[in-house]
Amino acid sequence: SNMSIYFRTPYDWIPLISLNIYTLAALSVDQIPYIFAVEYFPTWIRSQANSICSTSETIFGFISLHFFSSMLASLKTYGLYGLYAAVCFVAIPYTAYFITETSGVDVG
């Protein structure tokens, strides 16, 4: 078939599809903190709080990218992604406990 021109094995398309799914998900999920910020911060401090959130997101992103190679070398692939998964699992109860419902609450 014509697909053999582009892919060497029958499974070479999986990373390409995975990258596309990740990109589409990141474009939509990346906006969630900014949507929450509008609901959680009062209007008198909203711009400053959004600036702090955006700055901290950029700093933490830089740190994780900066240390990715050294952590990959020491933890190997399974350990590094296991660490990422552990952080996500710790975030679940944190979010359930500290992120409260704002429906019907005046945040202005």
Protein backbone atom coordinates (compact mmCIF):
# COMPACT_ATOMS: atom_id res chain seq x y z
CA SER A 1 0.00 0.00 0.00
CA ASN A 2 0.98 3.66 -0.24
CA MET A 3 1.39 3.92 3.53
CA SER A 4 4.57 1.86 3.31
CA ILE A 5 6.21 4.85 1.65
CA TYR A 6 5.90 6.87 4.86
CA PHE A 7 6.15 4.24 7.60
CA ARG A 8 8.74 1.46 7.92
CA THR A 9 6.63 -0.74 10.20
CA PRO A 10 2.87 -1.04 10.67
CA TYR A 11 3.12 0.77 14.03
CA ASP A 12 5.19 3.80 13.02
CA TRP A 13 2.04 5.94 12.80
CA ILE A 14 1.35 5.66 16.57
CA PRO A 15 3.86 8.36 17.68
CA LEU A 16 2.51 10.74 15.04
CA ILE A 17 -1.08 10.28 16.16
CA SER A 18 -0.03 10.52 19.83
CA LEU A 19 1.76 13.81 19.17
CA ASN A 20 -1.31 15.21 17.41
CA ILE A 21 -3.62 14.16 20.24
CA TYR A 22 -1.25 15.69 22.80
CA THR A 23 -1.07 18.96 20.85
CA LEU A 24 -4.84 19.25 20.58
CA ALA A 25 -5.30 18.39 24.26
CA ALA A 26 -2.62 20.86 25.35
CA LEU A 27 -4.26 23.66 23.38
CA SER A 28 -7.54 23.14 25.21
CA VAL A 29 -6.31 22.11 28.69
CA ASP A 30 -3.73 24.90 28.88
CA GLN A 31 -6.52 27.46 29.25
CA ILE A 32 -8.09 25.90 32.36
CA PRO A 33 -5.93 27.70 34.98
CA TYR A 34 -6.80 31.05 33.42
CA ILE A 35 -10.50 30.21 33.44
CA PHE A 36 -10.26 29.23 37.12
CA ALA A 37 -8.35 32.39 37.94
CA VAL A 38 -11.23 34.52 36.72
CA GLU A 39 -13.58 32.69 39.08
CA TYR A 40 -11.33 32.60 42.14
CA PHE A 41 -9.75 36.03 42.34
CA PRO A 42 -11.70 39.17 43.18
CA THR A 43 -11.69 41.87 40.52
CA TRP A 44 -9.53 44.23 42.57
CA ILE A 45 -6.58 41.79 42.52
CA ARG A 46 -7.36 39.66 39.46
CA SER A 47 -4.76 41.19 37.13
CA GLN A 48 -1.93 40.88 39.67
CA ALA A 49 -2.95 37.32 40.59
CA ASN A 50 -3.11 36.30 36.93
CA SER A 51 0.36 37.78 36.43
CA ILE A 52 1.71 35.74 39.34
CA CYS A 53 0.03 32.58 38.03
CA SER A 54 1.37 33.10 34.52
CA THR A 55 4.87 33.86 35.78
CA SER A 56 4.95 30.82 38.05
CA GLU A 57 3.67 28.60 35.22
CA THR A 58 6.49 29.83 32.98
CA ILE A 59 9.12 29.34 35.71
CA PHE A 60 7.94 25.82 36.57
CA GLY A 61 7.81 24.92 32.88
CA PHE A 62 11.36 26.15 32.42
CA ILE A 63 12.57 24.23 35.46
CA SER A 64 10.95 20.99 34.31
CA LEU A 65 12.41 21.36 30.82
CA HIS A 66 15.82 22.35 32.17
CA PHE A 67 16.12 19.29 34.41
CA PHE A 68 14.42 16.81 32.06
CA SER A 69 17.67 15.44 30.57
CA SER A 70 19.45 14.99 33.88
CA MET A 71 16.38 13.40 35.49
CA LEU A 72 15.99 11.11 32.47
CA ALA A 73 19.62 10.03 32.79
CA SER A 74 19.29 9.26 36.49
CA LEU A 75 15.72 7.93 36.71
CA LYS A 76 15.48 6.34 33.25
CA THR A 77 12.30 6.68 31.22
CA TYR A 78 10.05 4.59 33.46
CA GLY A 79 11.24 6.37 36.62
CA LEU A 80 10.83 9.86 35.18
CA TYR A 81 7.33 9.30 33.89
CA GLY A 82 6.52 7.43 37.09
CA LEU A 83 7.58 10.56 38.99
CA TYR A 84 5.35 12.68 36.76
CA ALA A 85 2.46 10.29 37.37
CA ALA A 86 3.07 10.39 41.14
CA VAL A 87 2.93 14.20 41.10
CA CYS A 88 -0.36 14.02 39.20
CA PHE A 89 -1.79 11.52 41.69
CA VAL A 90 -0.77 13.78 44.60
CA ALA A 91 -2.49 16.68 42.83
CA ILE A 92 -5.83 14.85 42.77
CA PRO A 93 -6.53 14.94 46.54
CA TYR A 94 -4.94 18.39 46.76
CA THR A 95 -7.34 19.67 44.14
CA ALA A 96 -10.32 17.89 45.68
CA TYR A 97 -9.56 19.43 49.08
CA PHE A 98 -8.41 22.97 48.24
CA ILE A 99 -10.28 23.85 45.03
CA THR A 100 -13.79 24.72 46.13
CA GLU A 101 -16.97 25.19 44.16
CA THR A 102 -17.69 28.83 43.29
CA SER A 103 -21.20 28.36 41.95
CA GLY A 104 -23.41 30.99 43.55
CA VAL A 105 -20.50 32.59 45.41
CA ASP A 106 -19.77 36.29 44.87
CA VAL A 107 -16.10 36.59 43.91
CA GLY A 108 -16.25 40.15 42.62
